[in-house]
């Protein structure tokens, strides 16, 4: 029942496309544009090719925030975010995070999920190319990004706990907590920049954790 209600809400966010052609990805669009494809799994060239075109950095609470679906190079539909486009055999789901794409998956009727293929010229496509050609380096970058987010979460949680237990009424019941470290302002600024970089790197791989990426954003 919950899934059916969610699908009905998603359908109300969709409007028909205007048939305009899909524009080629340009290098200057790297900072803000994401382009993904849902291609046929078989060798039948007659099967449709879908493309999802979305701008990163949109405010999903805005009614103007949306994603566009193209069918064989023509604008097929537009949906407010988060988007769920019905396609043959399943649904294409699109969501954004504070750093980029949180989700761009094809979910079959059986419930299996497949990440769409990024355009090779896009930032996500270049990150995927690095993963294929330099897997060890790619894993190292991914591990570093994860480590930065874990450290940032620890520092944030410690500072928040100290602030909350600093209230006399709270301290009276649970005791006062003192953060083990008090980094200077410049260190907090550097950690903020590293956190943004780590979150962006993970978004380029369409990786998202509600605990880590959600807290960082």
N, C-alpha and C. Protein backbone atom coordinates (compact mmCIF):
# COMPACT_ATOMS: atom_id res chain seq x y z
N UNK A 1 0.82 -1.20 0.00
CA UNK A 1 0.00 0.00 0.00
C UNK A 1 0.87 1.27 0.00
N UNK A 2 1.92 1.26 0.84
CA UNK A 2 2.81 2.42 0.91
C UNK A 2 3.48 2.66 -0.44
N UNK A 3 3.92 1.58 -1.09
CA UNK A 3 4.57 1.72 -2.40
C UNK A 3 3.60 2.28 -3.44
N UNK A 4 2.36 1.82 -3.39
CA UNK A 4 1.35 2.31 -4.32
C UNK A 4 1.07 3.80 -4.12
N UNK A 5 0.99 4.22 -2.86
CA UNK A 5 0.77 5.64 -2.57
C UNK A 5 1.95 6.48 -3.04
N UNK A 6 3.17 5.99 -2.83
CA UNK A 6 4.35 6.72 -3.27
C UNK A 6 4.38 6.86 -4.79
N UNK A 7 4.00 5.81 -5.50
CA UNK A 7 3.97 5.86 -6.96
C UNK A 7 2.93 6.86 -7.47
N UNK A 8 1.79 6.93 -6.78
CA UNK A 8 0.75 7.89 -7.18
C UNK A 8 1.24 9.32 -6.99
N UNK A 9 1.92 9.57 -5.86
CA UNK A 9 2.46 10.91 -5.63
C UNK A 9 3.51 11.26 -6.67
N UNK A 10 4.36 10.29 -7.01
CA UNK A 10 5.39 10.53 -8.03
C UNK A 10 4.77 10.82 -9.38
N UNK A 11 3.69 10.11 -9.72
CA UNK A 11 3.03 10.32 -11.01
C UNK A 11 2.45 11.72 -11.12
N UNK A 12 1.98 12.28 -10.01
CA UNK A 12 1.40 13.63 -10.04
C UNK A 12 2.48 14.70 -10.27
N UNK A 13 3.74 14.35 -10.02
CA UNK A 13 4.82 15.31 -10.23
C UNK A 13 5.32 15.33 -11.66
N UNK A 14 4.84 14.41 -12.50
CA UNK A 14 5.34 14.28 -13.87
C UNK A 14 4.47 15.07 -14.85
N UNK A 15 5.13 15.77 -15.76
CA UNK A 15 4.44 16.47 -16.85
C UNK A 15 5.00 15.97 -18.18
N UNK A 16 4.19 15.96 -19.24
CA UNK A 16 4.68 15.48 -20.53
C UNK A 16 5.80 16.34 -21.08
N UNK A 17 6.66 15.71 -21.87
CA UNK A 17 7.76 16.43 -22.49
C UNK A 17 7.32 17.21 -23.71
N UNK A 18 8.23 18.07 -24.20
CA UNK A 18 7.90 18.91 -25.35
C UNK A 18 8.59 18.45 -26.64
N UNK A 19 9.31 17.33 -26.58
CA UNK A 19 9.92 16.78 -27.78
C UNK A 19 11.22 17.42 -28.22
N UNK A 20 11.74 18.36 -27.44
CA UNK A 20 13.00 19.00 -27.85
C UNK A 20 14.14 17.98 -27.83
N UNK A 21 15.18 18.20 -28.64
CA UNK A 21 16.29 17.24 -28.68
C UNK A 21 17.18 17.35 -27.44
N UNK A 22 17.79 16.25 -27.09
CA UNK A 22 18.74 16.21 -25.97
C UNK A 22 20.03 16.89 -26.40
N UNK A 23 20.47 17.86 -25.62
CA UNK A 23 21.69 18.59 -25.95
C UNK A 23 22.91 17.80 -25.53
N UNK A 24 23.93 17.90 -26.34
CA UNK A 24 25.19 17.22 -26.05
C UNK A 24 25.84 17.80 -24.79
N UNK A 25 26.51 16.93 -24.03
CA UNK A 25 27.18 17.39 -22.82
C UNK A 25 28.44 18.17 -23.20
N UNK A 26 28.58 19.37 -22.62
CA UNK A 26 29.75 20.22 -22.88
C UNK A 26 30.63 20.29 -21.64
N UNK A 27 31.92 20.52 -21.85
CA UNK A 27 32.86 20.47 -20.74
C UNK A 27 32.57 21.52 -19.68
N UNK A 28 32.04 22.68 -20.08
CA UNK A 28 31.78 23.73 -19.09
C UNK A 28 30.58 23.41 -18.20
N UNK A 29 29.86 22.34 -18.53
CA UNK A 29 28.72 21.92 -17.70
C UNK A 29 29.12 20.95 -16.59
N UNK A 30 30.41 20.64 -16.50
CA UNK A 30 30.89 19.69 -15.50
C UNK A 30 30.47 20.04 -14.07
N UNK A 31 30.51 21.32 -13.67
CA UNK A 31 30.18 21.62 -12.27
C UNK A 31 28.72 21.46 -11.89
N UNK A 32 27.81 21.45 -12.89
CA UNK A 32 26.40 21.52 -12.49
C UNK A 32 25.46 20.55 -13.23
N UNK A 33 25.90 19.90 -14.27
CA UNK A 33 24.99 19.05 -15.04
C UNK A 33 25.35 17.58 -14.88
N UNK A 34 24.33 16.74 -14.72
CA UNK A 34 24.50 15.29 -14.70
C UNK A 34 23.65 14.69 -15.81
N UNK A 35 24.21 13.73 -16.52
CA UNK A 35 23.51 13.09 -17.63
C UNK A 35 23.76 11.59 -17.57
N UNK A 36 22.68 10.83 -17.43
CA UNK A 36 22.77 9.37 -17.29
C UNK A 36 21.88 8.70 -18.34
N UNK A 37 22.25 7.45 -18.69
CA UNK A 37 21.51 6.71 -19.70
C UNK A 37 21.03 5.37 -19.17
N UNK A 38 19.84 5.00 -19.61
CA UNK A 38 19.32 3.65 -19.40
C UNK A 38 19.29 3.00 -20.77
N UNK A 39 20.29 2.16 -21.02
CA UNK A 39 20.43 1.55 -22.34
C UNK A 39 19.92 0.12 -22.32
N UNK A 40 19.53 -0.40 -23.49
CA UNK A 40 19.06 -1.80 -23.55
C UNK A 40 20.17 -2.74 -23.10
N UNK A 41 19.78 -3.79 -22.38
CA UNK A 41 20.76 -4.76 -21.91
C UNK A 41 21.13 -5.76 -22.99
N UNK A 42 20.26 -5.97 -23.96
CA UNK A 42 20.54 -6.91 -25.03
C UNK A 42 21.15 -6.24 -26.24
N UNK A 43 21.26 -6.94 -27.29
CA UNK A 43 21.87 -6.40 -28.50
C UNK A 43 20.85 -5.87 -29.49
N UNK A 44 19.59 -5.84 -29.11
CA UNK A 44 18.53 -5.38 -30.00
C UNK A 44 18.59 -3.86 -30.13
N UNK A 45 19.00 -3.37 -31.27
CA UNK A 45 19.10 -1.94 -31.49
C UNK A 45 17.75 -1.25 -31.57
N UNK A 46 16.66 -2.03 -31.64
CA UNK A 46 15.35 -1.41 -31.72
C UNK A 46 14.77 -1.03 -30.37
N UNK A 47 15.45 -1.39 -29.28
CA UNK A 47 14.94 -1.06 -27.96
C UNK A 47 15.19 0.41 -27.65
N UNK A 48 14.31 1.02 -26.85
CA UNK A 48 14.44 2.45 -26.57
C UNK A 48 15.64 2.75 -25.67
N UNK A 49 16.16 3.95 -25.82
CA UNK A 49 17.24 4.44 -24.95
C UNK A 49 16.72 5.65 -24.20
N UNK A 50 16.74 5.57 -22.88
CA UNK A 50 16.30 6.67 -22.05
C UNK A 50 17.50 7.43 -21.51
N UNK A 51 17.33 8.72 -21.31
CA UNK A 51 18.38 9.56 -20.72
C UNK A 51 17.76 10.44 -19.64
N UNK A 52 18.48 10.59 -18.55
CA UNK A 52 18.05 11.46 -17.45
C UNK A 52 19.01 12.64 -17.39
N UNK A 53 18.46 13.84 -17.51
CA UNK A 53 19.24 15.08 -17.48
C UNK A 53 18.81 15.89 -16.26
N UNK A 54 19.75 16.17 -15.36
CA UNK A 54 19.40 16.87 -14.12
C UNK A 54 20.52 17.82 -13.74
N UNK A 55 20.13 18.96 -13.19
CA UNK A 55 21.11 19.94 -12.71
C UNK A 55 21.36 19.70 -11.24
N UNK A 56 22.62 19.59 -10.87
CA UNK A 56 22.99 19.43 -9.47
C UNK A 56 22.85 20.75 -8.73
N UNK A 57 22.71 20.66 -7.41
CA UNK A 57 22.65 21.87 -6.60
C UNK A 57 21.27 22.50 -6.51
N UNK A 58 20.25 21.85 -7.04
CA UNK A 58 18.90 22.38 -6.95
C UNK A 58 18.34 22.19 -5.53
N UNK A 59 17.49 23.10 -5.14
CA UNK A 59 16.77 22.98 -3.88
C UNK A 59 15.55 22.11 -4.12
N UNK A 60 15.57 20.89 -3.56
CA UNK A 60 14.49 19.95 -3.84
C UNK A 60 13.16 20.37 -3.23
N UNK A 61 13.19 21.32 -2.31
CA UNK A 61 11.94 21.80 -1.74
C UNK A 61 11.26 22.80 -2.66
N UNK A 62 11.96 23.26 -3.68
CA UNK A 62 11.39 24.22 -4.62
C UNK A 62 10.55 23.50 -5.68
N UNK A 63 9.46 24.11 -6.07
CA UNK A 63 8.62 23.51 -7.12
C UNK A 63 9.28 23.58 -8.49
N UNK A 64 10.34 24.39 -8.62
CA UNK A 64 11.03 24.51 -9.89
C UNK A 64 12.13 23.45 -10.07
N UNK A 65 12.50 22.79 -8.98
CA UNK A 65 13.54 21.76 -9.05
C UNK A 65 12.99 20.53 -9.76
N UNK A 66 13.72 20.06 -10.75
CA UNK A 66 13.20 18.91 -11.50
C UNK A 66 14.27 18.19 -12.28
N UNK A 67 13.87 17.06 -12.85
CA UNK A 67 14.71 16.24 -13.70
C UNK A 67 13.97 15.99 -15.01
N UNK A 68 14.72 15.85 -16.09
CA UNK A 68 14.13 15.63 -17.41
C UNK A 68 14.46 14.25 -17.93
N UNK A 69 13.47 13.60 -18.51
CA UNK A 69 13.64 12.28 -19.10
C UNK A 69 13.53 12.39 -20.62
N UNK A 70 14.50 11.81 -21.31
CA UNK A 70 14.52 11.82 -22.77
C UNK A 70 14.37 10.38 -23.28
N UNK A 71 13.66 10.23 -24.36
CA UNK A 71 13.46 8.93 -25.00
C UNK A 71 13.99 9.00 -26.42
N UNK A 72 15.03 8.21 -26.69
CA UNK A 72 15.67 8.20 -28.01
C UNK A 72 16.03 9.62 -28.46
N UNK A 73 16.57 10.40 -27.53
CA UNK A 73 17.08 11.72 -27.87
C UNK A 73 16.06 12.83 -27.88
N UNK A 74 14.81 12.55 -27.50
CA UNK A 74 13.76 13.56 -27.49
C UNK A 74 13.16 13.69 -26.09
N UNK A 75 12.82 14.94 -25.73
CA UNK A 75 12.30 15.18 -24.39
C UNK A 75 10.97 14.46 -24.21
N UNK A 76 10.94 13.57 -23.23
CA UNK A 76 9.78 12.69 -23.05
C UNK A 76 8.92 13.11 -21.86
N UNK A 77 9.56 13.56 -20.77
CA UNK A 77 8.81 13.93 -19.57
C UNK A 77 9.69 14.75 -18.64
N UNK A 78 9.05 15.49 -17.75
CA UNK A 78 9.75 16.21 -16.70
C UNK A 78 9.03 15.95 -15.38
N UNK A 79 9.80 15.87 -14.31
CA UNK A 79 9.22 15.62 -12.99
C UNK A 79 9.89 16.49 -11.96
N UNK A 80 9.09 16.96 -11.01
CA UNK A 80 9.68 17.60 -9.84
C UNK A 80 10.46 16.56 -9.05
N UNK A 81 11.46 17.03 -8.32
CA UNK A 81 12.28 16.14 -7.51
C UNK A 81 11.65 15.92 -6.14
N UNK A 82 11.82 14.73 -5.57
CA UNK A 82 12.44 13.53 -6.14
C UNK A 82 11.56 12.95 -7.25
N UNK A 83 12.22 12.41 -8.28
CA UNK A 83 11.50 11.95 -9.47
C UNK A 83 11.44 10.43 -9.51
N UNK A 84 10.35 9.92 -10.06
CA UNK A 84 10.18 8.49 -10.30
C UNK A 84 9.47 8.34 -11.65
N UNK A 85 10.26 8.11 -12.70
CA UNK A 85 9.71 8.01 -14.06
C UNK A 85 9.36 6.56 -14.37
N UNK A 86 8.11 6.27 -14.71
CA UNK A 86 7.78 4.92 -15.15
C UNK A 86 8.34 4.64 -16.54
N UNK A 87 9.04 3.53 -16.68
CA UNK A 87 9.60 3.09 -17.96
C UNK A 87 9.28 1.61 -18.10
N UNK A 88 9.42 1.05 -19.30
CA UNK A 88 9.11 -0.37 -19.46
C UNK A 88 9.87 -1.25 -18.47
N UNK A 89 9.12 -2.04 -17.72
CA UNK A 89 9.73 -2.99 -16.79
C UNK A 89 10.07 -2.45 -15.43
N UNK A 90 9.85 -1.15 -15.19
CA UNK A 90 10.20 -0.62 -13.88
C UNK A 90 10.10 0.89 -13.80
N UNK A 91 10.97 1.48 -12.98
CA UNK A 91 10.93 2.91 -12.70
C UNK A 91 12.35 3.46 -12.63
N UNK A 92 12.55 4.67 -13.15
CA UNK A 92 13.82 5.36 -12.99
C UNK A 92 13.65 6.38 -11.87
N UNK A 93 14.42 6.21 -10.80
CA UNK A 93 14.32 7.08 -9.63
C UNK A 93 15.50 8.04 -9.58
N UNK A 94 15.20 9.31 -9.32
CA UNK A 94 16.23 10.35 -9.30
C UNK A 94 16.05 11.19 -8.04
N UNK A 95 17.13 11.32 -7.27
CA UNK A 95 17.13 12.17 -6.08
C UNK A 95 18.47 12.89 -5.99
N UNK A 96 18.44 14.07 -5.41
CA UNK A 96 19.65 14.85 -5.20
C UNK A 96 19.99 14.91 -3.71
N UNK A 97 21.28 15.11 -3.44
CA UNK A 97 21.73 15.40 -2.09
C UNK A 97 22.33 16.80 -2.10
N UNK A 98 22.91 17.20 -0.98
CA UNK A 98 23.53 18.52 -0.91
C UNK A 98 24.76 18.62 -1.79
N UNK A 99 25.35 17.47 -2.17
CA UNK A 99 26.60 17.48 -2.92
C UNK A 99 26.45 17.05 -4.37
N UNK A 100 25.31 16.53 -4.74
CA UNK A 100 25.14 16.05 -6.11
C UNK A 100 24.03 15.02 -6.18
N UNK A 101 24.26 13.99 -6.99
CA UNK A 101 23.24 12.96 -7.13
C UNK A 101 23.28 11.97 -5.97
N UNK A 102 22.14 11.77 -5.40
CA UNK A 102 21.99 10.79 -4.33
C UNK A 102 21.51 9.47 -4.90
N UNK A 103 20.75 9.57 -5.98
CA UNK A 103 20.16 8.37 -6.57
C UNK A 103 19.84 8.62 -8.04
N UNK A 104 20.21 7.67 -8.89
CA UNK A 104 19.82 7.69 -10.31
C UNK A 104 19.80 6.23 -10.76
N UNK A 105 18.76 5.52 -10.35
CA UNK A 105 18.70 4.07 -10.51
C UNK A 105 17.46 3.64 -11.28
N UNK A 106 17.62 2.54 -11.98
CA UNK A 106 16.50 1.85 -12.60
C UNK A 106 16.08 0.73 -11.67
N UNK A 107 14.83 0.80 -11.19
CA UNK A 107 14.30 -0.21 -10.27
C UNK A 107 13.29 -1.05 -11.03
N UNK A 108 13.56 -2.33 -11.17
CA UNK A 108 12.67 -3.20 -11.92
C UNK A 108 11.42 -3.51 -11.10
N UNK A 109 10.44 -4.09 -11.78
CA UNK A 109 9.20 -4.47 -11.09
C UNK A 109 9.47 -5.52 -10.02
N UNK A 110 10.55 -6.29 -10.18
CA UNK A 110 10.90 -7.31 -9.18
C UNK A 110 11.66 -6.73 -8.00
N UNK A 111 12.04 -5.44 -8.10
CA UNK A 111 12.71 -4.80 -6.98
C UNK A 111 14.21 -4.69 -7.09
N UNK A 112 14.82 -5.25 -8.15
CA UNK A 112 16.26 -5.12 -8.32
C UNK A 112 16.61 -3.73 -8.83
N UNK A 113 17.79 -3.24 -8.44
CA UNK A 113 18.21 -1.89 -8.78
C UNK A 113 19.47 -1.90 -9.63
N UNK A 114 19.52 -0.97 -10.58
CA UNK A 114 20.69 -0.83 -11.44
C UNK A 114 21.00 0.66 -11.60
N UNK A 115 22.23 1.04 -11.31
CA UNK A 115 22.64 2.41 -11.52
C UNK A 115 22.71 2.71 -13.01
N UNK A 116 22.14 3.84 -13.43
CA UNK A 116 22.20 4.22 -14.82
C UNK A 116 23.65 4.53 -15.21
N UNK A 117 23.93 4.52 -16.50
CA UNK A 117 25.30 4.73 -17.01
C UNK A 117 25.52 6.21 -17.25
N UNK A 118 26.54 6.82 -16.62
CA UNK A 118 26.77 8.25 -16.82
C UNK A 118 27.36 8.55 -18.19
N UNK A 119 27.05 9.71 -18.72
CA UNK A 119 27.66 10.17 -19.96
C UNK A 119 29.17 10.26 -19.75
N UNK A 120 29.94 9.79 -20.72
CA UNK A 120 31.39 9.73 -20.56
C UNK A 120 32.03 11.10 -20.39
N UNK A 121 31.36 12.17 -20.89
CA UNK A 121 31.92 13.52 -20.77
C UNK A 121 31.57 14.19 -19.46
N UNK A 122 30.62 13.63 -18.70
CA UNK A 122 30.18 14.25 -17.45
C UNK A 122 31.19 13.97 -16.34
N UNK A 123 31.03 14.68 -15.22
CA UNK A 123 31.91 14.45 -14.07
C UNK A 123 31.74 13.03 -13.54
N UNK A 124 30.50 12.54 -13.50
CA UNK A 124 30.26 11.17 -13.05
C UNK A 124 30.89 10.17 -14.01
N UNK A 125 30.81 10.47 -15.32
CA UNK A 125 31.41 9.58 -16.30
C UNK A 125 32.92 9.54 -16.20
N UNK A 126 33.55 10.66 -15.93
CA UNK A 126 35.01 10.70 -15.77
C UNK A 126 35.44 9.97 -14.50
N UNK A 127 34.62 10.10 -13.45
CA UNK A 127 34.94 9.36 -12.21
C UNK A 127 34.80 7.86 -12.44
N UNK A 128 33.79 7.45 -13.20
CA UNK A 128 33.61 6.03 -13.51
C UNK A 128 34.76 5.52 -14.37
N UNK A 129 35.26 6.36 -15.28
CA UNK A 129 36.40 5.98 -16.12
C UNK A 129 37.64 5.75 -15.26
N UNK A 130 37.86 6.61 -14.26
CA UNK A 130 38.98 6.42 -13.35
C UNK A 130 38.84 5.11 -12.60
N UNK A 131 37.63 4.77 -12.20
CA UNK A 131 37.39 3.52 -11.47
C UNK A 131 37.73 2.31 -12.33
N UNK A 132 37.45 2.40 -13.64
CA UNK A 132 37.73 1.28 -14.54
C UNK A 132 39.21 1.17 -14.87
N UNK A 133 39.86 2.31 -15.08
CA UNK A 133 41.25 2.29 -15.56
C UNK A 133 42.28 2.29 -14.45
N UNK A 134 41.93 2.88 -13.28
CA UNK A 134 42.86 2.94 -12.15
C UNK A 134 42.14 2.49 -10.88
N UNK A 135 41.78 1.22 -10.81
CA UNK A 135 40.95 0.77 -9.68
C UNK A 135 41.60 0.98 -8.31
N UNK A 136 42.91 0.78 -8.21
CA UNK A 136 43.57 0.96 -6.91
C UNK A 136 43.51 2.41 -6.47
N UNK A 137 43.79 3.33 -7.38
CA UNK A 137 43.70 4.76 -7.07
C UNK A 137 42.27 5.14 -6.72
N UNK A 138 41.33 4.59 -7.46
CA UNK A 138 39.92 4.89 -7.22
C UNK A 138 39.50 4.43 -5.82
N UNK A 139 39.93 3.23 -5.43
CA UNK A 139 39.59 2.74 -4.09
C UNK A 139 40.22 3.61 -3.02
N UNK A 140 41.45 4.06 -3.27
CA UNK A 140 42.12 4.92 -2.31
C UNK A 140 41.39 6.24 -2.11
N UNK A 141 40.94 6.83 -3.22
CA UNK A 141 40.18 8.08 -3.13
C UNK A 141 38.87 7.86 -2.39
N UNK A 142 38.20 6.75 -2.70
CA UNK A 142 36.95 6.44 -2.03
C UNK A 142 37.13 6.23 -0.53
N UNK A 143 38.20 5.55 -0.15
CA UNK A 143 38.49 5.32 1.27
C UNK A 143 38.78 6.63 1.98
N UNK A 144 39.54 7.51 1.32
CA UNK A 144 39.85 8.81 1.91
C UNK A 144 38.58 9.64 2.12
N UNK A 145 37.68 9.62 1.14
CA UNK A 145 36.42 10.36 1.26
C UNK A 145 35.59 9.84 2.44
N UNK A 146 35.52 8.53 2.54
CA UNK A 146 34.75 7.93 3.64
C UNK A 146 35.37 8.29 4.99
N UNK A 147 36.70 8.27 5.07
CA UNK A 147 37.38 8.59 6.32
C UNK A 147 37.12 10.03 6.74
N UNK A 148 37.14 10.95 5.79
CA UNK A 148 36.89 12.35 6.10
C UNK A 148 35.49 12.52 6.67
N UNK A 149 34.51 11.86 6.09
CA UNK A 149 33.14 11.99 6.57
C UNK A 149 32.96 11.38 7.97
N UNK A 150 33.67 10.28 8.23
CA UNK A 150 33.59 9.67 9.57
C UNK A 150 34.18 10.61 10.61
N UNK A 151 35.35 11.21 10.30
CA UNK A 151 35.97 12.16 11.23
C UNK A 151 35.07 13.37 11.45
N UNK A 152 34.50 13.90 10.35
CA UNK A 152 33.62 15.06 10.47
C UNK A 152 32.40 14.75 11.32
N UNK A 153 31.84 13.55 11.16
CA UNK A 153 30.68 13.15 11.96
C UNK A 153 31.04 13.06 13.44
N UNK A 154 32.23 12.51 13.74
CA UNK A 154 32.67 12.39 15.13
C UNK A 154 32.84 13.77 15.75
N UNK A 155 33.50 14.69 15.04
CA UNK A 155 33.72 16.04 15.57
C UNK A 155 32.39 16.76 15.77
N UNK A 156 31.49 16.63 14.80
CA UNK A 156 30.18 17.28 14.91
C UNK A 156 29.39 16.73 16.09
N UNK A 157 29.38 15.41 16.23
CA UNK A 157 28.62 14.78 17.32
C UNK A 157 29.19 15.20 18.68
N UNK A 158 30.52 15.25 18.79
CA UNK A 158 31.14 15.63 20.06
C UNK A 158 30.83 17.08 20.42
N UNK A 159 30.92 17.97 19.44
CA UNK A 159 30.64 19.38 19.70
C UNK A 159 29.17 19.60 20.05
N UNK A 160 28.29 18.87 19.35
CA UNK A 160 26.86 18.99 19.63
C UNK A 160 26.52 18.47 21.03
N UNK A 161 27.13 17.34 21.40
CA UNK A 161 26.87 16.77 22.73
C UNK A 161 27.35 17.72 23.83
N UNK A 162 28.51 18.34 23.62
CA UNK A 162 29.02 19.28 24.61
C UNK A 162 28.10 20.50 24.73
N UNK A 163 27.60 20.97 23.60
CA UNK A 163 26.72 22.13 23.61
C UNK A 163 25.41 21.81 24.32
N UNK A 164 24.82 20.65 24.02
CA UNK A 164 23.53 20.29 24.61
C UNK A 164 23.66 20.06 26.11
N UNK A 165 24.70 19.33 26.53
CA UNK A 165 24.85 19.04 27.96
C UNK A 165 25.37 20.25 28.73
N UNK A 166 25.70 21.31 28.01
CA UNK A 166 26.09 22.54 28.68
C UNK A 166 24.90 23.27 29.27
N UNK A 167 23.70 22.89 28.86
CA UNK A 167 22.47 23.46 29.43
C UNK A 167 22.28 22.88 30.83
N UNK A 168 22.16 23.70 31.86
CA UNK A 168 22.10 23.19 33.24
C UNK A 168 21.02 22.14 33.45
N UNK A 169 19.83 22.35 32.87
CA UNK A 169 18.74 21.40 33.08
C UNK A 169 19.09 20.02 32.51
N UNK A 170 19.79 20.01 31.37
CA UNK A 170 20.19 18.74 30.75
C UNK A 170 21.32 18.11 31.55
N UNK A 171 22.30 18.92 31.91
CA UNK A 171 23.45 18.39 32.67
C UNK A 171 23.01 17.79 33.99
N UNK A 172 21.96 18.32 34.58
CA UNK A 172 21.48 17.82 35.87
C UNK A 172 20.99 16.38 35.76
N UNK A 173 20.47 16.02 34.59
CA UNK A 173 19.90 14.67 34.42
C UNK A 173 20.89 13.69 33.79
N UNK A 174 21.70 14.15 32.83
CA UNK A 174 22.58 13.21 32.11
C UNK A 174 24.06 13.49 32.37
N UNK A 175 24.36 14.61 33.02
CA UNK A 175 25.75 14.95 33.26
C UNK A 175 26.31 15.78 32.11
N UNK A 176 27.38 16.49 32.39
CA UNK A 176 28.02 17.33 31.37
C UNK A 176 29.03 16.51 30.58
N UNK A 177 29.08 16.77 29.28
CA UNK A 177 30.02 16.10 28.39
C UNK A 177 31.03 17.12 27.87
N UNK A 178 32.28 16.73 27.91
CA UNK A 178 33.34 17.59 27.38
C UNK A 178 33.95 16.93 26.16
N UNK A 179 33.94 17.63 25.04
CA UNK A 179 34.50 17.07 23.81
C UNK A 179 35.99 16.79 24.00
N UNK A 180 36.46 15.65 23.48
CA UNK A 180 37.87 15.30 23.66
C UNK A 180 38.82 16.24 22.93
N UNK A 181 38.35 16.88 21.88
CA UNK A 181 39.20 17.82 21.13
C UNK A 181 38.40 19.09 20.87
N UNK A 182 39.12 20.20 20.85
CA UNK A 182 38.53 21.49 20.52
C UNK A 182 39.37 22.14 19.42
N UNK A 183 39.13 21.75 18.16
CA UNK A 183 39.95 22.26 17.08
C UNK A 183 39.77 23.77 16.92
N UNK A 184 40.85 24.46 16.54
CA UNK A 184 40.75 25.91 16.31
C UNK A 184 39.86 26.20 15.12
N UNK A 185 39.52 27.47 14.94
CA UNK A 185 38.60 27.87 13.87
C UNK A 185 39.13 27.49 12.50
N UNK A 186 40.45 27.67 12.30
CA UNK A 186 41.01 27.36 10.98
C UNK A 186 40.90 25.87 10.67
N UNK A 187 41.03 25.04 11.73
CA UNK A 187 40.92 23.59 11.54
C UNK A 187 39.48 23.21 11.17
N UNK A 188 38.52 23.84 11.81
CA UNK A 188 37.12 23.60 11.47
C UNK A 188 36.83 24.00 10.03
N UNK A 189 37.44 25.12 9.59
CA UNK A 189 37.24 25.58 8.21
C UNK A 189 37.82 24.58 7.22
N UNK A 190 39.02 24.07 7.52
CA UNK A 190 39.64 23.07 6.64
C UNK A 190 38.81 21.80 6.60
N UNK A 191 38.32 21.38 7.77
CA UNK A 191 37.49 20.17 7.81
C UNK A 191 36.20 20.35 7.03
N UNK A 192 35.65 21.55 7.07
CA UNK A 192 34.43 21.82 6.30
C UNK A 192 34.70 21.69 4.80
N UNK A 193 35.83 22.23 4.34
CA UNK A 193 36.19 22.13 2.92
C UNK A 193 36.44 20.67 2.52
N UNK A 194 37.15 19.94 3.38
CA UNK A 194 37.41 18.53 3.09
C UNK A 194 36.12 17.72 3.06
N UNK A 195 35.21 18.06 3.96
CA UNK A 195 33.92 17.36 3.99
C UNK A 195 33.13 17.60 2.71
N UNK A 196 33.14 18.84 2.23
CA UNK A 196 32.45 19.17 0.98
C UNK A 196 33.07 18.41 -0.19
N UNK A 197 34.41 18.34 -0.21
CA UNK A 197 35.09 17.61 -1.28
C UNK A 197 34.78 16.12 -1.22
N UNK A 198 34.77 15.57 0.00
CA UNK A 198 34.48 14.14 0.17
C UNK A 198 33.04 13.83 -0.24
N UNK A 199 32.11 14.69 0.17
CA UNK A 199 30.72 14.48 -0.20
C UNK A 199 30.51 14.56 -1.70
N UNK A 200 31.21 15.49 -2.34
CA UNK A 200 31.10 15.63 -3.80
C UNK A 200 31.67 14.42 -4.50
N UNK A 201 32.81 13.92 -4.01
CA UNK A 201 33.42 12.73 -4.63
C UNK A 201 32.49 11.54 -4.54
N UNK A 202 31.86 11.36 -3.40
CA UNK A 202 30.93 10.24 -3.24
C UNK A 202 29.69 10.43 -4.12
N UNK A 203 29.25 11.67 -4.27
CA UNK A 203 28.09 11.93 -5.13
C UNK A 203 28.41 11.62 -6.59
N UNK A 204 29.67 11.81 -6.99
CA UNK A 204 30.04 11.47 -8.37
C UNK A 204 29.96 9.97 -8.62
N UNK A 205 30.02 9.19 -7.55
CA UNK A 205 29.84 7.73 -7.67
C UNK A 205 28.43 7.32 -7.27
N UNK A 206 27.57 8.31 -7.03
CA UNK A 206 26.18 8.08 -6.60
C UNK A 206 26.18 7.18 -5.37
N UNK A 207 27.01 7.55 -4.40
CA UNK A 207 27.04 6.87 -3.11
C UNK A 207 26.40 7.80 -2.08
N UNK A 208 25.56 7.26 -1.23
CA UNK A 208 24.89 8.09 -0.24
C UNK A 208 24.60 7.28 1.00
N UNK A 209 24.96 7.85 2.15
CA UNK A 209 24.61 7.31 3.46
C UNK A 209 23.85 8.38 4.21
N UNK A 210 22.69 8.04 4.71
CA UNK A 210 21.89 9.03 5.45
C UNK A 210 22.67 9.54 6.66
N UNK A 211 23.44 8.66 7.30
CA UNK A 211 24.19 9.06 8.49
C UNK A 211 25.37 9.96 8.14
N UNK A 212 26.20 9.52 7.18
CA UNK A 212 27.42 10.25 6.86
C UNK A 212 27.17 11.42 5.92
N UNK A 213 26.65 11.14 4.74
CA UNK A 213 26.43 12.21 3.76
C UNK A 213 25.33 13.14 4.19
N UNK A 214 24.29 12.60 4.84
CA UNK A 214 23.21 13.44 5.31
C UNK A 214 23.66 14.42 6.38
N UNK A 215 24.49 13.93 7.30
CA UNK A 215 25.00 14.83 8.36
C UNK A 215 25.95 15.85 7.80
N UNK A 216 26.76 15.46 6.81
CA UNK A 216 27.72 16.38 6.21
C UNK A 216 27.04 17.48 5.42
N UNK A 217 25.86 17.14 4.83
CA UNK A 217 25.15 18.12 4.03
C UNK A 217 24.25 18.98 4.84
